[in-house]
Structure formats: structure tokens, C-alpha cells
């Protein structure tokens, strides 16, 4: 069986484990078109933010 030649340092170990706690980004519902969107961002499907049209879409 292969055995590590050197002990893994705490910095390397903890850096590797830093990404274990990542979560999926939150989603909210657009009040205009009721599609899922990221919070505090313009809706990609209708272009509205805070009840105003920011980006023109077809």
C-alpha cells in the first residue's frame, strides 16, 4: 500500500477543506415574470429590477 512520504501540513489540509462548506447560490422569484433569478440582480428573462425595466428584452 502506498504511504505518504511526509506529513500533510495543517495549512495544506485546511486549504483543501476550505471548499467543503460551499452551498448552492440562493434563488428568488421575479415578481414580473415569476421566473427564478439571483437576488439583487436584474431578471435575465424579462429585464426588470425593483419594478422598473432596466434591460430591454424581446
PDB file of N, CA and C in Angstrom:
ATOM      1  N   UNK A   1       0.841  -1.186   0.000  1.00  0.00           N
ATOM      2  CA  UNK A   1       0.000   0.000   0.000  1.00  0.00           C
ATOM      3  C   UNK A   1       0.880   1.242   0.000  1.00  0.00           C
ATOM      4  N   UNK A   2       0.521   2.247  -0.797  1.00  0.00           N
ATOM      5  CA  UNK A   2       1.300   3.479  -0.788  1.00  0.00           C
ATOM      6  C   UNK A   2       1.083   4.247   0.518  1.00  0.00           C
ATOM      7  N   UNK A   3       2.146   4.823   0.994  1.00  0.00           N
ATOM      8  CA  UNK A   3       2.112   5.582   2.243  1.00  0.00           C
ATOM      9  C   UNK A   3       2.692   6.960   1.965  1.00  0.00           C
ATOM     10  N   UNK A   4       2.093   8.046   2.513  1.00  0.00           N
ATOM     11  CA  UNK A   4       2.649   9.382   2.293  1.00  0.00           C
ATOM     12  C   UNK A   4       4.075   9.490   2.837  1.00  0.00           C
ATOM     13  N   UNK A   5       4.936  10.160   2.065  1.00  0.00           N
ATOM     14  CA  UNK A   5       6.331  10.295   2.481  1.00  0.00           C
ATOM     15  C   UNK A   5       6.485  11.346   3.580  1.00  0.00           C
ATOM     16  N   UNK A   6       5.630  12.388   3.524  1.00  0.00           N
ATOM     17  CA  UNK A   6       5.688  13.464   4.509  1.00  0.00           C
ATOM     18  C   UNK A   6       4.297  13.700   5.081  1.00  0.00           C
ATOM     19  N   UNK A   7       4.276  14.215   6.305  1.00  0.00           N
ATOM     20  CA  UNK A   7       3.011  14.567   6.944  1.00  0.00           C
ATOM     21  C   UNK A   7       2.397  15.765   6.217  1.00  0.00           C
ATOM     22  N   UNK A   8       1.090  15.715   5.979  1.00  0.00           N
ATOM     23  CA  UNK A   8       0.399  16.848   5.372  1.00  0.00           C
ATOM     24  C   UNK A   8       0.271  17.960   6.402  1.00  0.00           C
ATOM     25  N   UNK A   9       0.733  19.147   6.035  1.00  0.00           N
ATOM     26  CA  UNK A   9       0.716  20.260   6.983  1.00  0.00           C
ATOM     27  C   UNK A   9      -0.714  20.741   7.222  1.00  0.00           C
ATOM     28  N   UNK A  10      -0.894  21.466   8.310  1.00  0.00           N
ATOM     29  CA  UNK A  10      -2.221  21.985   8.632  1.00  0.00           C
ATOM     30  C   UNK A  10      -2.705  22.962   7.575  1.00  0.00           C
ATOM     31  N   UNK A  11      -1.799  23.757   7.020  1.00  0.00           N
ATOM     32  CA  UNK A  11      -2.197  24.734   6.005  1.00  0.00           C
ATOM     33  C   UNK A  11      -2.708  24.038   4.749  1.00  0.00           C
ATOM     34  N   UNK A  12      -2.010  23.015   4.308  1.00  0.00           N
ATOM     35  CA  UNK A  12      -2.432  22.292   3.107  1.00  0.00           C
ATOM     36  C   UNK A  12      -3.747  21.568   3.370  1.00  0.00           C
ATOM     37  N   UNK A  13      -3.843  20.926   4.508  1.00  0.00           N
ATOM     38  CA  UNK A  13      -5.062  20.197   4.865  1.00  0.00           C
ATOM     39  C   UNK A  13      -6.261  21.135   4.937  1.00  0.00           C
ATOM     40  N   UNK A  14      -6.089  22.272   5.623  1.00  0.00           N
ATOM     41  CA  UNK A  14      -7.202  23.190   5.791  1.00  0.00           C
ATOM     42  C   UNK A  14      -7.566  23.904   4.494  1.00  0.00           C
ATOM     43  N   UNK A  15      -6.565  24.169   3.633  1.00  0.00           N
ATOM     44  CA  UNK A  15      -6.858  24.781   2.345  1.00  0.00           C
ATOM     45  C   UNK A  15      -7.685  23.841   1.480  1.00  0.00           C
ATOM     46  N   UNK A  16      -7.408  22.578   1.558  1.00  0.00           N
ATOM     47  CA  UNK A  16      -8.168  21.586   0.807  1.00  0.00           C
ATOM     48  C   UNK A  16      -9.603  21.501   1.328  1.00  0.00           C
ATOM     49  N   UNK A  17      -9.767  21.624   2.619  1.00  0.00           N
ATOM     50  CA  UNK A  17     -11.097  21.512   3.226  1.00  0.00           C
ATOM     51  C   UNK A  17     -11.904  22.808   3.140  1.00  0.00           C
ATOM     52  N   UNK A  18     -11.305  23.887   2.679  1.00  0.00           N
ATOM     53  CA  UNK A  18     -11.985  25.180   2.669  1.00  0.00           C
ATOM     54  C   UNK A  18     -13.209  25.167   1.767  1.00  0.00           C
ATOM     55  N   UNK A  19     -13.212  24.363   0.713  1.00  0.00           N
ATOM     56  CA  UNK A  19     -14.321  24.339  -0.232  1.00  0.00           C
ATOM     57  C   UNK A  19     -15.402  23.336   0.135  1.00  0.00           C
ATOM     58  N   UNK A  20     -15.245  22.619   1.231  1.00  0.00           N
ATOM     59  CA  UNK A  20     -16.244  21.621   1.609  1.00  0.00           C
ATOM     60  C   UNK A  20     -17.546  22.264   2.062  1.00  0.00           C
ATOM     61  N   UNK A  21     -17.497  23.489   2.565  1.00  0.00           N
ATOM     62  CA  UNK A  21     -18.684  24.131   3.098  1.00  0.00           C
ATOM     63  C   UNK A  21     -19.445  24.969   2.100  1.00  0.00           C
ATOM     64  N   UNK A  22     -19.091  24.933   0.814  1.00  0.00           N
ATOM     65  CA  UNK A  22     -19.777  25.757  -0.168  1.00  0.00           C
ATOM     66  C   UNK A  22     -21.210  25.292  -0.358  1.00  0.00           C
ATOM     67  N   UNK A  23     -22.101  26.256  -0.588  1.00  0.00           N
ATOM     68  CA  UNK A  23     -23.512  25.958  -0.786  1.00  0.00           C
ATOM     69  C   UNK A  23     -23.948  26.481  -2.143  1.00  0.00           C
ATOM     70  N   UNK A  24     -25.052  25.985  -2.622  1.00  0.00           N
ATOM     71  CA  UNK A  24     -25.615  26.470  -3.884  1.00  0.00           C
ATOM     72  C   UNK A  24     -26.119  27.901  -3.690  1.00  0.00           C
ATOM     73  N   UNK A  25     -26.034  28.745  -4.732  1.00  0.00           N
ATOM     74  CA  UNK A  25     -26.499  30.122  -4.581  1.00  0.00           C
ATOM     75  C   UNK A  25     -28.012  30.178  -4.360  1.00  0.00           C
ATOM     76  N   UNK A  26     -28.451  31.192  -3.632  1.00  0.00           N
ATOM     77  CA  UNK A  26     -29.870  31.356  -3.335  1.00  0.00           C
ATOM     78  C   UNK A  26     -30.609  31.835  -4.585  1.00  0.00           C
ATOM     79  N   UNK A  27     -31.879  31.520  -4.662  1.00  0.00           N
ATOM     80  CA  UNK A  27     -32.725  31.963  -5.767  1.00  0.00           C
ATOM     81  C   UNK A  27     -33.940  32.669  -5.197  1.00  0.00           C
ATOM     82  N   UNK A  28     -34.413  33.662  -5.923  1.00  0.00           N
ATOM     83  CA  UNK A  28     -35.664  34.315  -5.579  1.00  0.00           C
ATOM     84  C   UNK A  28     -36.547  34.299  -6.820  1.00  0.00           C
ATOM     85  N   UNK A  29     -37.787  34.696  -6.661  1.00  0.00           N
ATOM     86  CA  UNK A  29     -38.748  34.674  -7.768  1.00  0.00           C
ATOM     87  C   UNK A  29     -38.955  36.097  -8.260  1.00  0.00           C
ATOM     88  N   UNK A  30     -38.888  36.269  -9.558  1.00  0.00           N
ATOM     89  CA  UNK A  30     -39.118  37.586 -10.166  1.00  0.00           C
ATOM     90  C   UNK A  30     -40.599  37.943 -10.022  1.00  0.00           C
ATOM     91  N   UNK A  31     -40.928  39.134  -9.480  1.00  0.00           N
ATOM     92  CA  UNK A  31     -42.346  39.487  -9.330  1.00  0.00           C
ATOM     93  C   UNK A  31     -43.035  39.781 -10.663  1.00  0.00           C
ATOM     94  N   UNK A  32     -42.279  40.076 -11.719  1.00  0.00           N
ATOM     95  CA  UNK A  32     -42.877  40.386 -13.017  1.00  0.00           C
ATOM     96  C   UNK A  32     -43.237  39.121 -13.801  1.00  0.00           C
ATOM     97  N   UNK A  33     -42.233  38.232 -13.980  1.00  0.00           N
ATOM     98  CA  UNK A  33     -42.447  37.060 -14.841  1.00  0.00           C
ATOM     99  C   UNK A  33     -42.466  35.750 -14.063  1.00  0.00           C
ATOM    100  N   UNK A  34     -42.218  35.797 -12.757  1.00  0.00           N
ATOM    101  CA  UNK A  34     -42.260  34.623 -11.875  1.00  0.00           C
ATOM    102  C   UNK A  34     -41.241  33.557 -12.247  1.00  0.00           C
ATOM    103  N   UNK A  35     -40.120  33.970 -12.822  1.00  0.00           N
ATOM    104  CA  UNK A  35     -39.010  33.060 -13.111  1.00  0.00           C
ATOM    105  C   UNK A  35     -38.004  33.144 -11.963  1.00  0.00           C
ATOM    106  N   UNK A  36     -37.198  32.096 -11.817  1.00  0.00           N
ATOM    107  CA  UNK A  36     -36.155  32.098 -10.794  1.00  0.00           C
ATOM    108  C   UNK A  36     -35.024  33.022 -11.227  1.00  0.00           C
ATOM    109  N   UNK A  37     -34.505  33.804 -10.275  1.00  0.00           N
ATOM    110  CA  UNK A  37     -33.387  34.708 -10.561  1.00  0.00           C
ATOM    111  C   UNK A  37     -32.541  34.835  -9.306  1.00  0.00           C
ATOM    112  N   UNK A  38     -31.324  35.341  -9.471  1.00  0.00           N
ATOM    113  CA  UNK A  38     -30.469  35.589  -8.324  1.00  0.00           C
ATOM    114  C   UNK A  38     -30.936  36.862  -7.622  1.00  0.00           C
ATOM    115  N   UNK A  39     -30.887  36.891  -6.290  1.00  0.00           N
ATOM    116  CA  UNK A  39     -31.352  38.079  -5.574  1.00  0.00           C
ATOM    117  C   UNK A  39     -30.487  39.309  -5.869  1.00  0.00           C
ATOM    118  N   UNK A  40     -31.097  40.476  -5.861  1.00  0.00           N
ATOM    119  CA  UNK A  40     -30.425  41.765  -6.055  1.00  0.00           C
ATOM    120  C   UNK A  40     -29.772  41.869  -7.428  1.00  0.00           C
ATOM    121  N   UNK A  41     -30.369  41.234  -8.430  1.00  0.00           N
ATOM    122  CA  UNK A  41     -29.862  41.308  -9.799  1.00  0.00           C
ATOM    123  C   UNK A  41     -31.033  41.464 -10.761  1.00  0.00           C
ATOM    124  N   UNK A  42     -30.751  42.017 -11.935  1.00  0.00           N
ATOM    125  CA  UNK A  42     -31.775  42.166 -12.967  1.00  0.00           C
ATOM    126  C   UNK A  42     -32.209  40.779 -13.424  1.00  0.00           C
ATOM    127  N   UNK A  43     -33.498  40.606 -13.625  1.00  0.00           N
ATOM    128  CA  UNK A  43     -34.019  39.321 -14.083  1.00  0.00           C
ATOM    129  C   UNK A  43     -33.531  39.070 -15.507  1.00  0.00           C
ATOM    130  N   UNK A  44     -32.892  37.917 -15.762  1.00  0.00           N
ATOM    131  CA  UNK A  44     -32.380  37.666 -17.110  1.00  0.00           C
ATOM    132  C   UNK A  44     -33.465  37.395 -18.143  1.00  0.00           C
ATOM    133  N   UNK A  45     -34.661  37.016 -17.720  1.00  0.00           N
ATOM    134  CA  UNK A  45     -35.692  36.679 -18.701  1.00  0.00           C
ATOM    135  C   UNK A  45     -36.544  37.889 -19.098  1.00  0.00           C
ATOM    136  N   UNK A  46     -36.847  38.785 -18.150  1.00  0.00           N
ATOM    137  CA  UNK A  46     -37.702  39.923 -18.501  1.00  0.00           C
ATOM    138  C   UNK A  46     -36.976  41.267 -18.428  1.00  0.00           C
ATOM    139  N   UNK A  47     -35.825  41.350 -17.762  1.00  0.00           N
ATOM    140  CA  UNK A  47     -35.055  42.582 -17.710  1.00  0.00           C
ATOM    141  C   UNK A  47     -35.522  43.587 -16.672  1.00  0.00           C
ATOM    142  N   UNK A  48     -36.367  43.178 -15.741  1.00  0.00           N
ATOM    143  CA  UNK A  48     -36.873  44.093 -14.720  1.00  0.00           C
ATOM    144  C   UNK A  48     -36.077  43.961 -13.434  1.00  0.00           C
ATOM    145  N   UNK A  49     -35.983  45.083 -12.694  1.00  0.00           N
ATOM    146  CA  UNK A  49     -35.401  45.102 -11.354  1.00  0.00           C
ATOM    147  C   UNK A  49     -36.124  46.169 -10.555  1.00  0.00           C
ATOM    148  N   UNK A  50     -36.611  45.809  -9.400  1.00  0.00           N
ATOM    149  CA  UNK A  50     -37.301  46.726  -8.494  1.00  0.00           C
ATOM    150  C   UNK A  50     -38.501  47.387  -9.179  1.00  0.00           C
ATOM    151  N   UNK A  51     -39.213  46.626 -10.012  1.00  0.00           N
ATOM    152  CA  UNK A  51     -40.418  47.136 -10.672  1.00  0.00           C
ATOM    153  C   UNK A  51     -40.166  48.017 -11.870  1.00  0.00           C
ATOM    154  N   UNK A  52     -38.892  48.205 -12.253  1.00  0.00           N
ATOM    155  CA  UNK A  52     -38.580  49.048 -13.402  1.00  0.00           C
ATOM    156  C   UNK A  52     -37.843  48.224 -14.448  1.00  0.00           C
ATOM    157  N   UNK A  53     -38.101  48.549 -15.734  1.00  0.00           N
ATOM    158  CA  UNK A  53     -37.403  47.844 -16.807  1.00  0.00           C
ATOM    159  C   UNK A  53     -36.014  48.440 -16.956  1.00  0.00           C
ATOM    160  N   UNK A  54     -35.004  47.636 -16.720  1.00  0.00           N
ATOM    161  CA  UNK A  54     -33.619  48.089 -16.784  1.00  0.00           C
ATOM    162  C   UNK A  54     -33.008  47.715 -18.124  1.00  0.00           C
ATOM    163  N   UNK A  55     -33.253  46.493 -18.565  1.00  0.00           N
ATOM    164  CA  UNK A  55     -32.700  45.981 -19.811  1.00  0.00           C
ATOM    165  C   UNK A  55     -33.852  45.643 -20.737  1.00  0.00           C
ATOM    166  N   UNK A  56     -33.799  46.145 -21.957  1.00  0.00           N
ATOM    167  CA  UNK A  56     -34.852  45.829 -22.919  1.00  0.00           C
ATOM    168  C   UNK A  56     -34.682  44.406 -23.418  1.00  0.00           C
ATOM    169  N   UNK A  57     -35.763  43.626 -23.371  1.00  0.00           N
ATOM    170  CA  UNK A  57     -35.758  42.276 -23.913  1.00  0.00           C
ATOM    171  C   UNK A  57     -36.897  42.146 -24.907  1.00  0.00           C
ATOM    172  N   UNK A  58     -36.791  41.158 -25.753  1.00  0.00           N
ATOM    173  CA  UNK A  58     -37.827  40.975 -26.777  1.00  0.00           C
ATOM    174  C   UNK A  58     -38.988  40.192 -26.247  1.00  0.00           C
TER     175      UNK A  58
END
